[in-house]
Amino acid sequence: MTRTEARMVAEELFKLVRPLVVEHLNSITAEVIDETFSIKEAAKYLGCKEKTIYNKIKEIPHFKIGRSLRFSRLALDEYIRLR
């Protein structure tokens, strides 16, 4: 194989692999950068009322900062997926 042919093969491989690498990096970045929501924001994100969140608080993943409830976007996505 000549150097020119090898370069052409490498360029074709790059074109095929690049979208997969970009997609994988985007998914990793999304996992690293996690938002937290207040009860109001979580209700909006889940498409329900705040009262529903309070009624199902034992089911919905959450944590507290001081006296306020906080909800991780990633945890809510997993909750939605498993529901």
Protein backbone atom coordinates (compact mmCIF):
# COMPACT_ATOMS: atom_id res chain seq x y z
CA MET A 1 0.00 0.00 0.00
CA THR A 2 1.36 3.36 -0.95
CA ARG A 3 1.47 6.33 1.34
CA THR A 4 -1.31 8.05 -0.62
CA GLU A 5 -3.57 4.99 -0.35
CA ALA A 6 -2.90 4.73 3.39
CA ARG A 7 -3.81 8.39 3.80
CA MET A 8 -7.06 7.88 1.89
CA VAL A 9 -7.96 4.89 4.06
CA ALA A 10 -7.18 6.89 7.22
CA GLU A 11 -9.38 9.77 6.02
CA GLU A 12 -12.28 7.41 5.31
CA LEU A 13 -11.90 5.79 8.73
CA PHE A 14 -11.89 9.22 10.33
CA LYS A 15 -15.14 10.13 8.55
CA LEU A 16 -16.76 6.91 9.79
CA VAL A 17 -15.51 7.03 13.40
CA ARG A 18 -15.78 10.76 14.13
CA PRO A 19 -19.60 10.90 14.63
CA LEU A 20 -19.42 7.95 17.03
CA VAL A 21 -16.67 9.58 19.07
CA VAL A 22 -18.52 12.91 19.20
CA GLU A 23 -21.72 11.18 20.34
CA HIS A 24 -19.86 9.28 23.04
CA LEU A 25 -18.12 12.42 24.30
CA ASN A 26 -21.44 14.29 24.40
CA SER A 27 -23.01 11.55 26.51
CA ILE A 28 -20.07 11.56 28.93
CA THR A 29 -20.20 15.35 29.20
CA ALA A 30 -23.93 15.26 29.87
CA GLU A 31 -23.36 12.84 32.75
CA VAL A 32 -20.63 14.98 34.27
CA ILE A 33 -22.62 18.21 34.03
CA ASP A 34 -25.70 17.60 36.16
CA GLU A 35 -28.29 20.21 37.04
CA THR A 36 -30.23 20.31 40.26
CA PHE A 37 -33.84 21.40 40.44
CA SER A 38 -35.99 22.92 43.14
CA ILE A 39 -39.36 21.33 43.87
CA LYS A 40 -41.04 23.76 41.47
CA GLU A 41 -38.52 23.09 38.69
CA ALA A 42 -38.71 19.32 39.27
CA ALA A 43 -42.51 19.42 39.01
CA LYS A 44 -42.26 21.29 35.73
CA TYR A 45 -39.59 18.90 34.45
CA LEU A 46 -41.72 15.86 35.36
CA GLY A 47 -44.88 17.49 34.03
CA CYS A 48 -46.82 17.31 37.28
CA LYS A 49 -47.86 19.51 40.18
CA GLU A 50 -45.70 20.25 43.20
CA LYS A 51 -48.27 18.48 45.39
CA THR A 52 -47.74 15.28 43.38
CA ILE A 53 -44.01 15.48 44.09
CA TYR A 54 -44.69 15.83 47.82
CA ASN A 55 -47.13 12.90 47.70
CA LYS A 56 -44.58 10.67 45.93
CA ILE A 57 -41.47 11.96 47.68
CA LYS A 58 -40.50 8.46 48.87
CA GLU A 59 -40.39 7.25 45.25
CA ILE A 60 -38.67 10.24 43.65
CA PRO A 61 -34.89 10.48 44.15
CA HIS A 62 -33.95 13.66 45.97
CA PHE A 63 -31.60 15.16 48.54
CA LYS A 64 -31.70 18.07 50.93
CA ILE A 65 -29.60 21.16 51.15
CA GLY A 66 -30.52 22.71 54.44
CA ARG A 67 -34.30 22.57 54.57
CA SER A 68 -34.91 22.61 50.82
CA LEU A 69 -35.42 19.57 48.63
CA ARG A 70 -33.23 19.29 45.54
CA PHE A 71 -33.58 16.94 42.57
CA SER A 72 -30.83 15.82 40.21
CA ARG A 73 -31.75 15.96 36.53
CA LEU A 74 -29.93 12.69 35.89
CA ALA A 75 -31.73 10.98 38.77
CA LEU A 76 -35.09 12.30 37.51
CA ASP A 77 -34.28 11.02 34.00
CA GLU A 78 -33.57 7.58 35.47
CA TYR A 79 -36.78 7.75 37.51
CA ILE A 80 -38.77 8.57 34.37
CA ARG A 81 -37.04 5.77 32.45
CA LEU A 82 -37.83 3.16 35.10
CA ARG A 83 -41.42 4.26 35.64
